[in-house]
Amino acid sequence: MNFLKQILKEFLSLHFAWKNYIKDAFSSGKLRNFFISLTIGVSATVLVWVSQLFIKNISVYAQGENVMSVSPTTAGVFSAWLVGGSVFSVMVGAVRRNYGFFKRAFDFIFASGCLVMLFPLFLIIWFLVKVDSDGPAFFRQVRLGKNGKTFEMLKFRTMRDNAEFETGPVWTQDDDPRETRIGEFLRKSHLDELPQLVNMIRGDMSLIGPRPERPEFRKTICLKIPGFDERLRIRPGLTGLAQTRYHYGASLKDAARKLRYDMLYIKKKCWMLDFQIVLWTFGRVLTGEGAR
């Protein structure tokens, strides 16, 4: 019953997230302007094709008895290609100019689709975590989001319940004795991160961005690493440049090195870089590299 109540609570939360996202998207005007441009382009394409139905022959050059003609089909294809190219250019231009807006739209649609498709896998992992050890299947931990705003990051529990009761907040280490049997597998396969799809829908996280840090470590890190808060300028990510090009960080030295990658991503972020990071992420998931 507790599981069903938790699922219902998350479903209602996602429902409100959908509602608020659609409302914000149209009120901002960006989505509305994009659809207006797309509608104009598509309408022009349809108009060209319809006009070709009433044209039998189009004379291009005439010299005496020699007449060069272009068939309606050829003219239609050329016109559609010309106008279609314009529509495509409008779409590409809009996506480039509004990178942040369309990235948020992609995150929302991608996470929603994955939740639907992977729901059976969620049930299987939930069952295995519950059978393997006592405690809740889902683990909530406060993390730092965009502009330093805190949020609850969701994960499948991979350690024994109340693992930090005696030690307090600490970084995870290799062969951590607090890990459960199923938890070790979930970490190596990165399946423990799947519930963060919910955080992506809520807008707490993005698919790609700096890894969200715990607020308990923020003061210590900032004293040792000036400029660390600069990574809070964008939404944290489920994966990112630092996560794929550097190993798991569990020290101040690692945090300093990962900051370089995070700042490079913030400076160079674009669709091509995002696509490359997704490919690197698949490689890490398949090999279990970088998991802890």
Protein backbone atom coordinates (compact mmCIF):
# COMPACT_ATOMS: atom_id res chain seq x y z
CA MET A 1 0.00 0.00 0.00
CA ASN A 2 2.82 2.41 0.83
CA PHE A 3 4.33 1.78 -2.60
CA LEU A 4 1.00 2.49 -4.31
CA LYS A 5 0.58 5.69 -2.32
CA GLN A 6 4.11 6.75 -3.30
CA ILE A 7 3.44 6.02 -6.96
CA LEU A 8 0.16 8.00 -6.81
CA LYS A 9 1.95 10.92 -5.17
CA GLU A 10 4.63 10.96 -7.85
CA PHE A 11 2.01 10.66 -10.60
CA LEU A 12 0.11 13.70 -9.28
CA SER A 13 3.41 15.58 -9.04
CA LEU A 14 4.21 14.75 -12.68
CA HIS A 15 0.71 15.81 -13.72
CA PHE A 16 1.21 19.26 -12.22
CA ALA A 17 4.69 19.43 -13.79
CA TRP A 18 3.19 18.76 -17.25
CA LYS A 19 0.48 21.37 -16.68
CA ASN A 20 2.90 24.05 -15.48
CA TYR A 21 5.40 23.34 -18.26
CA ILE A 22 2.83 23.72 -21.05
CA LYS A 23 1.50 26.91 -19.42
CA ASP A 24 4.99 28.43 -19.06
CA ALA A 25 6.00 27.39 -22.59
CA PHE A 26 3.12 29.22 -24.25
CA SER A 27 3.17 32.23 -21.91
CA SER A 28 6.86 32.84 -22.72
CA GLY A 29 5.96 33.38 -26.38
CA LYS A 30 8.89 31.32 -27.75
CA LEU A 31 6.85 28.22 -28.44
CA ARG A 32 4.04 30.29 -29.93
CA ASN A 33 6.40 32.13 -32.29
CA PHE A 34 8.02 28.85 -33.34
CA PHE A 35 4.66 27.30 -34.26
CA ILE A 36 3.64 30.44 -36.15
CA SER A 37 6.82 30.27 -38.26
CA LEU A 38 6.36 26.55 -38.82
CA THR A 39 2.70 27.01 -39.81
CA ILE A 40 3.59 29.69 -42.35
CA GLY A 41 6.29 27.48 -43.89
CA VAL A 42 4.07 24.40 -44.08
CA SER A 43 1.18 26.43 -45.51
CA ALA A 44 3.43 27.81 -48.24
CA THR A 45 4.56 24.28 -49.13
CA VAL A 46 0.97 23.03 -49.37
CA LEU A 47 0.01 26.05 -51.47
CA VAL A 48 2.79 25.32 -53.97
CA TRP A 49 1.77 21.69 -54.33
CA VAL A 50 -1.91 22.54 -54.83
CA SER A 51 -1.07 25.13 -57.47
CA GLN A 52 0.78 22.48 -59.47
CA LEU A 53 -2.44 20.51 -59.89
CA PHE A 54 -3.81 23.29 -62.11
CA ILE A 55 -0.71 23.71 -64.24
CA LYS A 56 -0.19 21.37 -67.19
CA ASN A 57 3.05 22.70 -68.60
CA ILE A 58 5.48 25.41 -67.63
CA SER A 59 7.48 26.85 -70.54
CA VAL A 60 10.99 27.83 -69.65
CA TYR A 61 12.64 28.68 -72.96
CA ALA A 62 11.20 28.92 -76.44
CA GLN A 63 13.28 29.20 -79.61
CA GLY A 64 11.30 28.74 -82.81
CA GLU A 65 9.75 25.32 -82.77
CA ASN A 66 11.98 24.08 -79.91
CA VAL A 67 10.19 24.41 -76.61
CA MET A 68 11.73 23.24 -73.36
CA SER A 69 9.12 22.37 -70.78
CA VAL A 70 9.17 21.34 -67.18
CA SER A 71 6.52 18.84 -66.13
CA PRO A 72 4.18 19.65 -63.27
CA THR A 73 5.74 16.85 -61.23
CA THR A 74 9.25 18.22 -61.69
CA ALA A 75 8.16 21.76 -60.90
CA GLY A 76 6.26 20.58 -57.84
CA VAL A 77 9.23 18.65 -56.51
CA PHE A 78 11.56 21.58 -57.06
CA SER A 79 9.16 24.06 -55.46
CA ALA A 80 8.51 21.78 -52.51
CA TRP A 81 12.23 21.26 -52.08
CA LEU A 82 12.81 25.01 -52.15
CA VAL A 83 10.05 25.83 -49.68
CA GLY A 84 10.73 22.74 -47.58
CA GLY A 85 14.32 23.82 -47.24
CA SER A 86 13.10 27.17 -45.98
CA VAL A 87 10.88 25.45 -43.40
CA PHE A 88 13.82 23.32 -42.25
CA SER A 89 16.02 26.42 -42.00
CA VAL A 90 13.38 28.14 -39.86
CA MET A 91 13.21 25.14 -37.54
CA VAL A 92 16.99 24.78 -37.22
CA GLY A 93 17.43 28.51 -36.68
CA ALA A 94 14.75 28.57 -33.99
CA VAL A 95 16.30 25.61 -32.18
CA ARG A 96 19.77 27.20 -32.24
CA ARG A 97 18.60 30.62 -31.10
CA ASN A 98 16.51 29.19 -28.28
CA TYR A 99 18.90 26.47 -27.15
CA GLY A 100 17.90 26.68 -23.47
CA PHE A 101 14.17 26.58 -24.21
CA PHE A 102 14.34 23.62 -26.59
CA LYS A 103 16.75 21.77 -24.31
CA ARG A 104 14.18 22.03 -21.52
CA ALA A 105 11.49 20.81 -23.94
CA PHE A 106 13.69 17.88 -24.97
CA ASP A 107 14.40 16.98 -21.33
CA PHE A 108 10.69 17.03 -20.53
CA ILE A 109 9.63 14.88 -23.49
CA PHE A 110 12.60 12.49 -23.18
CA ALA A 111 12.09 11.89 -19.46
CA SER A 112 8.33 11.42 -19.85
CA GLY A 113 8.79 8.88 -22.63
CA CYS A 114 11.45 6.97 -20.69
CA LEU A 115 9.26 6.79 -17.59
CA VAL A 116 6.46 5.21 -19.60
CA MET A 117 8.71 2.71 -21.41
CA LEU A 118 10.81 1.79 -18.38
CA PHE A 119 7.98 1.48 -15.86
CA PRO A 120 8.21 -2.39 -15.83
CA LEU A 121 11.94 -2.08 -15.09
CA PHE A 122 11.14 0.31 -12.24
CA LEU A 123 8.85 -2.32 -10.70
CA ILE A 124 11.51 -5.05 -11.01
CA ILE A 125 14.22 -2.90 -9.38
CA TRP A 126 11.83 -1.79 -6.64
CA PHE A 127 11.06 -5.43 -5.85
CA LEU A 128 14.75 -6.45 -5.80
CA VAL A 129 15.74 -3.56 -3.51
CA LYS A 130 12.93 -4.36 -1.06
CA VAL A 131 13.80 -8.07 -0.97
CA ASP A 132 17.54 -7.47 -0.63
CA SER A 133 17.45 -5.27 2.47
CA ASP A 134 15.17 -3.46 4.89
CA GLY A 135 14.15 0.10 4.16
CA PRO A 136 12.47 2.11 1.39
CA ALA A 137 13.24 1.32 -2.25
CA PHE A 138 13.66 4.98 -3.17
CA PHE A 139 16.30 7.23 -1.65
CA ARG A 140 15.91 10.99 -1.43
CA GLN A 141 18.88 13.28 -0.97
CA VAL A 142 19.06 17.08 -0.93
CA ARG A 143 21.21 18.46 -3.75
CA LEU A 144 22.07 21.88 -5.17
CA GLY A 145 20.24 22.91 -8.33
CA LYS A 146 20.34 25.89 -10.66
CA ASN A 147 21.31 29.15 -8.92
CA GLY A 148 21.92 27.25 -5.69
CA LYS A 149 18.30 26.25 -5.18
CA THR A 150 18.05 22.96 -3.30
CA PHE A 151 15.88 20.03 -4.38
CA GLU A 152 15.35 16.38 -3.45
CA MET A 153 17.18 14.11 -5.88
CA LEU A 154 15.65 10.65 -6.30
CA LYS A 155 17.60 7.40 -6.59
CA PHE A 156 17.06 3.73 -5.97
CA ARG A 157 18.55 2.93 -2.56
CA THR A 158 21.91 1.21 -2.93
CA MET A 159 23.07 1.34 0.69
CA ARG A 160 21.65 0.07 3.93
CA ASP A 161 18.97 2.24 5.48
CA ASN A 162 20.31 5.20 7.53
CA ALA A 163 23.82 4.59 6.17
CA GLU A 164 25.05 8.02 7.32
CA PHE A 165 23.53 7.86 10.79
CA GLU A 166 26.92 7.38 12.46
CA THR A 167 29.28 9.03 9.98
CA GLY A 168 27.24 12.00 8.77
CA PRO A 169 27.50 13.22 5.14
CA VAL A 170 30.52 11.61 3.44
CA TRP A 171 31.59 10.91 -0.15
CA THR A 172 31.12 7.39 -1.44
CA GLN A 173 34.32 5.33 -1.60
CA ASP A 174 35.44 2.28 -3.58
CA ASP A 175 34.03 -0.99 -2.18
CA ASP A 176 31.91 0.99 0.26
CA PRO A 177 30.88 -1.39 3.10
CA ARG A 178 27.51 0.36 3.35
CA GLU A 179 26.43 -0.92 -0.08
CA THR A 180 23.81 -3.63 -0.34
CA ARG A 181 24.23 -6.65 -2.63
CA ILE A 182 21.80 -5.35 -5.26
CA GLY A 183 23.12 -1.82 -4.65
CA GLU A 184 26.56 -2.72 -5.99
CA PHE A 185 25.02 -3.93 -9.24
CA LEU A 186 22.73 -0.89 -9.53
CA ARG A 187 25.67 1.47 -9.13
CA LYS A 188 27.86 -0.26 -11.69
CA SER A 189 25.03 -0.35 -14.22
CA HIS A 190 23.92 3.22 -13.30
CA LEU A 191 20.35 1.92 -12.94
CA ASP A 192 20.13 3.56 -9.51
CA GLU A 193 19.96 6.91 -11.35
CA LEU A 194 16.71 6.10 -13.24
CA PRO A 195 14.36 7.82 -10.73
CA GLN A 196 16.08 11.10 -11.60
CA LEU A 197 13.90 11.11 -14.71
CA VAL A 198 11.25 12.44 -12.32
CA ASN A 199 13.63 15.28 -11.35
CA MET A 200 14.07 16.05 -15.06
CA ILE A 201 10.32 16.38 -15.56
CA ARG A 202 10.01 18.62 -12.53
CA GLY A 203 12.75 20.88 -13.91
CA ASP A 204 15.22 20.20 -11.08
CA MET A 205 17.67 18.55 -13.48
CA SER A 206 18.52 18.28 -17.16
CA LEU A 207 19.76 15.28 -19.12
CA ILE A 208 23.17 16.95 -19.51
CA GLY A 209 24.87 19.27 -17.06
CA PRO A 210 27.17 19.36 -14.02
CA ARG A 211 26.51 16.68 -11.41
CA PRO A 212 24.45 18.17 -8.53
CA GLU A 213 26.55 18.56 -5.39
CA ARG A 214 25.36 18.10 -1.81
CA PRO A 215 24.87 21.37 0.09
CA GLU A 216 26.80 19.93 3.07
CA PHE A 217 29.98 19.95 0.96
CA ARG A 218 29.41 23.33 -0.70
CA LYS A 219 31.08 25.53 1.92
CA THR A 220 34.14 23.30 2.22
CA ILE A 221 34.58 23.03 -1.55
CA CYS A 222 34.14 26.77 -2.16
CA LEU A 223 36.78 27.61 0.46
CA LYS A 224 39.30 25.36 -1.27
CA ILE A 225 38.17 25.85 -4.89
CA PRO A 226 37.29 29.48 -5.81
CA GLY A 227 34.66 29.73 -8.52
CA PHE A 228 33.07 26.38 -7.77
CA ASP A 229 29.64 28.02 -7.54
CA GLU A 230 29.94 29.04 -11.21
CA ARG A 231 28.71 25.55 -12.15
CA LEU A 232 25.37 26.45 -10.55
CA ARG A 233 24.57 28.79 -13.46
CA ILE A 234 22.79 25.96 -15.30
CA ARG A 235 20.65 22.99 -14.29
CA PRO A 236 22.59 19.99 -13.01
CA GLY A 237 22.52 16.92 -15.23
CA LEU A 238 21.91 13.21 -15.13
CA THR A 239 25.10 12.98 -17.17
CA GLY A 240 27.62 15.54 -18.37
CA LEU A 241 31.07 16.31 -19.74
CA ALA A 242 32.79 15.87 -16.37
CA GLN A 243 30.92 12.62 -15.66
CA THR A 244 31.94 11.06 -18.99
CA ARG A 245 35.49 12.38 -19.39
CA TYR A 246 36.64 12.04 -15.77
CA HIS A 247 36.24 9.29 -13.18
CA TYR A 248 33.97 9.49 -10.15
CA GLY A 249 35.05 12.34 -7.86
CA ALA A 250 35.35 11.65 -4.12
CA SER A 251 37.78 14.34 -2.96
CA LEU A 252 38.52 18.05 -3.22
CA LYS A 253 41.20 17.30 -5.81
CA ASP A 254 38.67 15.47 -7.96
CA ALA A 255 36.13 18.29 -7.50
CA ALA A 256 38.69 20.84 -8.77
CA ARG A 257 39.45 18.80 -11.87
CA LYS A 258 35.79 18.14 -12.63
CA LEU A 259 35.09 21.87 -12.30
CA ARG A 260 37.28 22.47 -15.37
CA TYR A 261 35.09 20.15 -17.42
CA ASP A 262 31.90 21.71 -16.06
CA MET A 263 33.05 25.22 -16.92
CA LEU A 264 34.13 24.08 -20.38
CA TYR A 265 30.65 22.67 -20.98
CA ILE A 266 28.96 25.86 -19.76
CA LYS A 267 31.14 27.87 -22.17
CA LYS A 268 30.80 25.56 -25.20
CA LYS A 269 27.34 24.05 -24.70
CA CYS A 270 25.53 23.29 -27.95
CA TRP A 271 23.53 20.46 -29.54
CA MET A 272 26.57 18.77 -31.09
CA LEU A 273 28.40 18.66 -27.76
CA ASP A 274 25.27 17.32 -26.06
CA PHE A 275 25.01 14.57 -28.67
CA GLN A 276 28.67 13.60 -28.14
CA ILE A 277 28.14 13.43 -24.37
CA VAL A 278 25.15 11.12 -24.88
CA LEU A 279 27.35 8.76 -26.94
CA TRP A 280 30.05 8.79 -24.25
CA THR A 281 27.38 8.09 -21.63
CA PHE A 282 26.15 5.01 -23.49
CA GLY A 283 29.72 3.74 -23.54
CA ARG A 284 30.07 4.17 -19.78
CA VAL A 285 26.72 2.54 -19.05
CA LEU A 286 27.58 -0.51 -21.18
CA THR A 287 31.02 -0.96 -19.61
CA GLY A 288 30.13 0.09 -16.07
CA GLU A 289 33.04 2.54 -16.19
CA GLY A 290 33.04 5.42 -13.73
CA ALA A 291 30.40 3.91 -11.44
CA ARG A 292 30.73 3.97 -7.71
